[in-house]
């Protein structure tokens, strides 16, 4: 049999749990209002380009960005928006043998009211990054699959959405 004090403590504990649950729900709602929902405004694809007489095999990652939206470059300096970042699952079959370079440079803006004196590097439309690949001895590039993810931030004039998307590449 519970005493009156024990009953009050149980009710107080339930009240604390309800307050914490409401605070968590409010925090989630505020975060969604600030950063938006799932980032369907940008999509990624990847392919392994075979070696040619003049070029080594390359990994190409394509971002297709909806009209009115942009993402930030992979070289975006710290202190501003989130740069686009690639990460790859470990494999003994290949290594990324150089830096990724875009097929067109990002557009550079300075937003003095938000990030004073910071060059903000934005990509719009479609951008393709490529990097050279080196395959391990005895590995047939045609049988290699490269998996990983791309993460960053896609924005328009009203909101930004953080994203992390899986990518997978095989030989073209």
C-alpha atoms as a PDB file:
ATOM      1  CA  UNK A   1       0.000   0.000   0.000  1.00  0.00           C
ATOM      2  CA  UNK A   2       1.394   3.400  -1.025  1.00  0.00           C
ATOM      3  CA  UNK A   3       1.495   6.357   1.294  1.00  0.00           C
ATOM      4  CA  UNK A   4       0.179   9.783   0.276  1.00  0.00           C
ATOM      5  CA  UNK A   5       3.754  10.976  -0.176  1.00  0.00           C
ATOM      6  CA  UNK A   6       4.578   8.072  -2.505  1.00  0.00           C
ATOM      7  CA  UNK A   7       1.447   8.811  -4.586  1.00  0.00           C
ATOM      8  CA  UNK A   8       2.489  12.468  -4.922  1.00  0.00           C
ATOM      9  CA  UNK A   9       5.981  11.414  -6.007  1.00  0.00           C
ATOM     10  CA  UNK A  10       4.562   9.083  -8.681  1.00  0.00           C
ATOM     11  CA  UNK A  11       2.319  11.881 -10.016  1.00  0.00           C
ATOM     12  CA  UNK A  12       5.238  14.322  -9.998  1.00  0.00           C
ATOM     13  CA  UNK A  13       7.378  11.797 -11.898  1.00  0.00           C
ATOM     14  CA  UNK A  14       4.678  11.400 -14.544  1.00  0.00           C
ATOM     15  CA  UNK A  15       4.440  15.185 -14.872  1.00  0.00           C
ATOM     16  CA  UNK A  16       8.211  15.435 -15.389  1.00  0.00           C
ATOM     17  CA  UNK A  17       8.078  12.749 -18.101  1.00  0.00           C
ATOM     18  CA  UNK A  18       5.247  14.611 -19.891  1.00  0.00           C
ATOM     19  CA  UNK A  19       7.128  17.937 -19.742  1.00  0.00           C
ATOM     20  CA  UNK A  20      10.300  16.341 -21.133  1.00  0.00           C
ATOM     21  CA  UNK A  21       8.336  14.659 -23.953  1.00  0.00           C
ATOM     22  CA  UNK A  22       6.670  17.954 -24.869  1.00  0.00           C
ATOM     23  CA  UNK A  23      10.040  19.751 -24.836  1.00  0.00           C
ATOM     24  CA  UNK A  24      11.507  17.101 -27.185  1.00  0.00           C
ATOM     25  CA  UNK A  25       8.557  17.446 -29.565  1.00  0.00           C
ATOM     26  CA  UNK A  26       8.898  21.248 -29.563  1.00  0.00           C
ATOM     27  CA  UNK A  27      12.653  21.037 -30.203  1.00  0.00           C
ATOM     28  CA  UNK A  28      12.075  18.724 -33.186  1.00  0.00           C
ATOM     29  CA  UNK A  29       9.415  21.055 -34.607  1.00  0.00           C
ATOM     30  CA  UNK A  30      11.680  24.096 -34.228  1.00  0.00           C
ATOM     31  CA  UNK A  31      14.585  22.257 -35.900  1.00  0.00           C
ATOM     32  CA  UNK A  32      12.359  21.280 -38.830  1.00  0.00           C
ATOM     33  CA  UNK A  33      11.186  24.885 -39.138  1.00  0.00           C
ATOM     34  CA  UNK A  34      14.789  26.090 -39.236  1.00  0.00           C
ATOM     35  CA  UNK A  35      16.313  23.380 -41.416  1.00  0.00           C
ATOM     36  CA  UNK A  36      13.275  22.111 -43.347  1.00  0.00           C
ATOM     37  CA  UNK A  37      12.279  18.525 -43.978  1.00  0.00           C
ATOM     38  CA  UNK A  38      14.046  15.808 -45.957  1.00  0.00           C
ATOM     39  CA  UNK A  39      16.327  17.170 -48.672  1.00  0.00           C
ATOM     40  CA  UNK A  40      14.561  16.068 -51.840  1.00  0.00           C
ATOM     41  CA  UNK A  41      15.804  19.218 -53.606  1.00  0.00           C
ATOM     42  CA  UNK A  42      19.144  17.612 -54.494  1.00  0.00           C
ATOM     43  CA  UNK A  43      19.915  14.146 -55.856  1.00  0.00           C
ATOM     44  CA  UNK A  44      23.211  12.391 -56.443  1.00  0.00           C
ATOM     45  CA  UNK A  45      24.441   9.711 -58.800  1.00  0.00           C
ATOM     46  CA  UNK A  46      27.898   8.210 -59.259  1.00  0.00           C
ATOM     47  CA  UNK A  47      29.753   6.206 -61.884  1.00  0.00           C
ATOM     48  CA  UNK A  48      33.256   4.817 -62.412  1.00  0.00           C
ATOM     49  CA  UNK A  49      34.655   6.172 -65.678  1.00  0.00           C
ATOM     50  CA  UNK A  50      37.123   3.747 -67.290  1.00  0.00           C
ATOM     51  CA  UNK A  51      40.691   4.762 -68.063  1.00  0.00           C
ATOM     52  CA  UNK A  52      41.449   6.162 -71.510  1.00  0.00           C
ATOM     53  CA  UNK A  53      44.699   6.762 -73.387  1.00  0.00           C
ATOM     54  CA  UNK A  54      44.916  10.208 -71.775  1.00  0.00           C
ATOM     55  CA  UNK A  55      43.126   9.835 -68.424  1.00  0.00           C
ATOM     56  CA  UNK A  56      43.175   7.343 -65.544  1.00  0.00           C
ATOM     57  CA  UNK A  57      39.974   5.714 -64.318  1.00  0.00           C
ATOM     58  CA  UNK A  58      37.888   8.260 -62.431  1.00  0.00           C
ATOM     59  CA  UNK A  59      35.014   8.386 -60.001  1.00  0.00           C
ATOM     60  CA  UNK A  60      32.363  10.896 -61.125  1.00  0.00           C
ATOM     61  CA  UNK A  61      29.719  12.141 -58.687  1.00  0.00           C
ATOM     62  CA  UNK A  62      26.859  14.191 -60.123  1.00  0.00           C
ATOM     63  CA  UNK A  63      24.616  16.497 -58.087  1.00  0.00           C
ATOM     64  CA  UNK A  64      21.313  17.535 -59.662  1.00  0.00           C
ATOM     65  CA  UNK A  65      19.888  20.515 -57.780  1.00  0.00           C
ATOM     66  CA  UNK A  66      16.311  21.765 -58.181  1.00  0.00           C
ATOM     67  CA  UNK A  67      15.722  25.263 -59.602  1.00  0.00           C
ATOM     68  CA  UNK A  68      15.916  27.941 -56.938  1.00  0.00           C
ATOM     69  CA  UNK A  69      18.123  25.805 -54.671  1.00  0.00           C
ATOM     70  CA  UNK A  70      21.903  25.517 -54.240  1.00  0.00           C
ATOM     71  CA  UNK A  71      24.466  23.428 -52.376  1.00  0.00           C
ATOM     72  CA  UNK A  72      27.858  24.476 -51.095  1.00  0.00           C
ATOM     73  CA  UNK A  73      31.193  23.489 -52.578  1.00  0.00           C
ATOM     74  CA  UNK A  74      33.479  20.787 -51.236  1.00  0.00           C
ATOM     75  CA  UNK A  75      36.045  23.543 -50.596  1.00  0.00           C
ATOM     76  CA  UNK A  76      33.704  25.848 -48.641  1.00  0.00           C
ATOM     77  CA  UNK A  77      35.727  27.497 -45.869  1.00  0.00           C
ATOM     78  CA  UNK A  78      34.832  27.004 -42.212  1.00  0.00           C
ATOM     79  CA  UNK A  79      32.777  29.589 -40.409  1.00  0.00           C
ATOM     80  CA  UNK A  80      29.868  29.558 -42.829  1.00  0.00           C
ATOM     81  CA  UNK A  81      27.453  27.107 -44.426  1.00  0.00           C
ATOM     82  CA  UNK A  82      28.039  23.343 -44.452  1.00  0.00           C
ATOM     83  CA  UNK A  83      30.300  22.207 -47.273  1.00  0.00           C
ATOM     84  CA  UNK A  84      29.400  19.177 -49.372  1.00  0.00           C
ATOM     85  CA  UNK A  85      31.444  16.163 -48.185  1.00  0.00           C
ATOM     86  CA  UNK A  86      32.013  12.743 -49.723  1.00  0.00           C
ATOM     87  CA  UNK A  87      32.839   9.645 -47.702  1.00  0.00           C
ATOM     88  CA  UNK A  88      33.443   6.127 -48.972  1.00  0.00           C
ATOM     89  CA  UNK A  89      33.194   2.685 -47.475  1.00  0.00           C
ATOM     90  CA  UNK A  90      36.579   1.039 -46.951  1.00  0.00           C
ATOM     91  CA  UNK A  91      37.766  -1.289 -49.722  1.00  0.00           C
ATOM     92  CA  UNK A  92      41.020  -2.965 -50.588  1.00  0.00           C
ATOM     93  CA  UNK A  93      40.047  -2.867 -54.283  1.00  0.00           C
ATOM     94  CA  UNK A  94      40.639   0.839 -54.930  1.00  0.00           C
ATOM     95  CA  UNK A  95      41.727   4.173 -53.531  1.00  0.00           C
ATOM     96  CA  UNK A  96      40.829   7.747 -54.427  1.00  0.00           C
ATOM     97  CA  UNK A  97      44.128   8.866 -55.975  1.00  0.00           C
ATOM     98  CA  UNK A  98      43.642  12.641 -56.006  1.00  0.00           C
ATOM     99  CA  UNK A  99      41.342  15.519 -55.218  1.00  0.00           C
ATOM    100  CA  UNK A 100      37.795  15.858 -56.495  1.00  0.00           C
ATOM    101  CA  UNK A 101      37.396  18.711 -58.969  1.00  0.00           C
ATOM    102  CA  UNK A 102      34.093  20.136 -60.225  1.00  0.00           C
ATOM    103  CA  UNK A 103      33.290  20.437 -63.937  1.00  0.00           C
ATOM    104  CA  UNK A 104      32.489  24.115 -63.312  1.00  0.00           C
ATOM    105  CA  UNK A 105      33.622  26.378 -60.486  1.00  0.00           C
ATOM    106  CA  UNK A 106      31.147  27.374 -57.793  1.00  0.00           C
ATOM    107  CA  UNK A 107      29.578  30.828 -57.865  1.00  0.00           C
ATOM    108  CA  UNK A 108      31.124  32.933 -55.111  1.00  0.00           C
ATOM    109  CA  UNK A 109      29.009  35.308 -53.013  1.00  0.00           C
ATOM    110  CA  UNK A 110      29.675  37.383 -49.913  1.00  0.00           C
ATOM    111  CA  UNK A 111      26.740  37.737 -47.517  1.00  0.00           C
ATOM    112  CA  UNK A 112      27.950  40.530 -45.219  1.00  0.00           C
ATOM    113  CA  UNK A 113      24.843  40.327 -43.032  1.00  0.00           C
ATOM    114  CA  UNK A 114      25.268  36.586 -42.321  1.00  0.00           C
ATOM    115  CA  UNK A 115      28.943  35.662 -42.837  1.00  0.00           C
ATOM    116  CA  UNK A 116      30.953  38.890 -43.068  1.00  0.00           C
ATOM    117  CA  UNK A 117      34.085  38.678 -45.198  1.00  0.00           C
ATOM    118  CA  UNK A 118      33.534  34.984 -46.041  1.00  0.00           C
ATOM    119  CA  UNK A 119      33.437  33.792 -49.633  1.00  0.00           C
ATOM    120  CA  UNK A 120      30.405  31.520 -49.877  1.00  0.00           C
ATOM    121  CA  UNK A 121      30.832  28.979 -52.709  1.00  0.00           C
ATOM    122  CA  UNK A 122      27.539  27.774 -54.243  1.00  0.00           C
ATOM    123  CA  UNK A 123      26.659  25.248 -56.936  1.00  0.00           C
ATOM    124  CA  UNK A 124      23.388  25.535 -58.857  1.00  0.00           C
ATOM    125  CA  UNK A 125      21.761  23.233 -61.428  1.00  0.00           C
ATOM    126  CA  UNK A 126      24.069  20.314 -62.122  1.00  0.00           C
ATOM    127  CA  UNK A 127      27.669  19.825 -61.056  1.00  0.00           C
ATOM    128  CA  UNK A 128      29.926  16.820 -61.660  1.00  0.00           C
ATOM    129  CA  UNK A 129      32.972  16.196 -59.484  1.00  0.00           C
ATOM    130  CA  UNK A 130      35.638  13.758 -60.643  1.00  0.00           C
ATOM    131  CA  UNK A 131      38.661  12.248 -58.929  1.00  0.00           C
ATOM    132  CA  UNK A 132      41.256   9.774 -60.233  1.00  0.00           C
ATOM    133  CA  UNK A 133      41.094   6.182 -59.022  1.00  0.00           C
ATOM    134  CA  UNK A 134      43.847   3.665 -58.437  1.00  0.00           C
ATOM    135  CA  UNK A 135      42.913  -0.020 -58.392  1.00  0.00           C
ATOM    136  CA  UNK A 136      44.771  -2.671 -56.413  1.00  0.00           C
ATOM    137  CA  UNK A 137      46.977  -5.083 -58.337  1.00  0.00           C
ATOM    138  CA  UNK A 138      44.950  -7.840 -59.976  1.00  0.00           C
ATOM    139  CA  UNK A 139      41.592  -6.061 -59.499  1.00  0.00           C
ATOM    140  CA  UNK A 140      39.359  -5.845 -62.563  1.00  0.00           C
ATOM    141  CA  UNK A 141      37.798  -2.337 -62.455  1.00  0.00           C
ATOM    142  CA  UNK A 142      34.690  -3.672 -64.211  1.00  0.00           C
ATOM    143  CA  UNK A 143      33.860  -5.704 -61.100  1.00  0.00           C
ATOM    144  CA  UNK A 144      34.359  -2.917 -58.536  1.00  0.00           C
ATOM    145  CA  UNK A 145      31.498  -1.156 -56.759  1.00  0.00           C
ATOM    146  CA  UNK A 146      32.239   1.995 -54.779  1.00  0.00           C
ATOM    147  CA  UNK A 147      29.753   2.829 -52.033  1.00  0.00           C
ATOM    148  CA  UNK A 148      29.546   5.723 -49.641  1.00  0.00           C
ATOM    149  CA  UNK A 149      27.600   8.864 -48.898  1.00  0.00           C
ATOM    150  CA  UNK A 150      27.343  12.567 -49.618  1.00  0.00           C
ATOM    151  CA  UNK A 151      26.338  15.024 -46.934  1.00  0.00           C
ATOM    152  CA  UNK A 152      25.886  18.751 -46.828  1.00  0.00           C
ATOM    153  CA  UNK A 153      23.269  21.454 -46.991  1.00  0.00           C
ATOM    154  CA  UNK A 154      20.837  22.484 -49.732  1.00  0.00           C
ATOM    155  CA  UNK A 155      19.323  25.972 -49.458  1.00  0.00           C
ATOM    156  CA  UNK A 156      17.019  28.447 -51.137  1.00  0.00           C
ATOM    157  CA  UNK A 157      16.212  32.035 -50.128  1.00  0.00           C
ATOM    158  CA  UNK A 158      13.933  30.875 -47.308  1.00  0.00           C
ATOM    159  CA  UNK A 159      15.362  27.691 -45.773  1.00  0.00           C
ATOM    160  CA  UNK A 160      18.181  25.192 -45.624  1.00  0.00           C
ATOM    161  CA  UNK A 161      17.906  21.404 -45.441  1.00  0.00           C
ATOM    162  CA  UNK A 162      20.722  19.201 -44.223  1.00  0.00           C
ATOM    163  CA  UNK A 163      21.169  16.012 -46.221  1.00  0.00           C
ATOM    164  CA  UNK A 164      23.031  12.736 -46.158  1.00  0.00           C
ATOM    165  CA  UNK A 165      22.498  10.523 -49.191  1.00  0.00           C
ATOM    166  CA  UNK A 166      23.898   7.132 -50.094  1.00  0.00           C
ATOM    167  CA  UNK A 167      25.824   6.752 -53.343  1.00  0.00           C
ATOM    168  CA  UNK A 168      26.961   3.709 -55.291  1.00  0.00           C
ATOM    169  CA  UNK A 169      29.143   3.622 -58.398  1.00  0.00           C
ATOM    170  CA  UNK A 170      30.001   0.899 -60.879  1.00  0.00           C
ATOM    171  CA  UNK A 171      31.946   1.028 -64.128  1.00  0.00           C
ATOM    172  CA  UNK A 172      30.140   2.838 -66.924  1.00  0.00           C
END
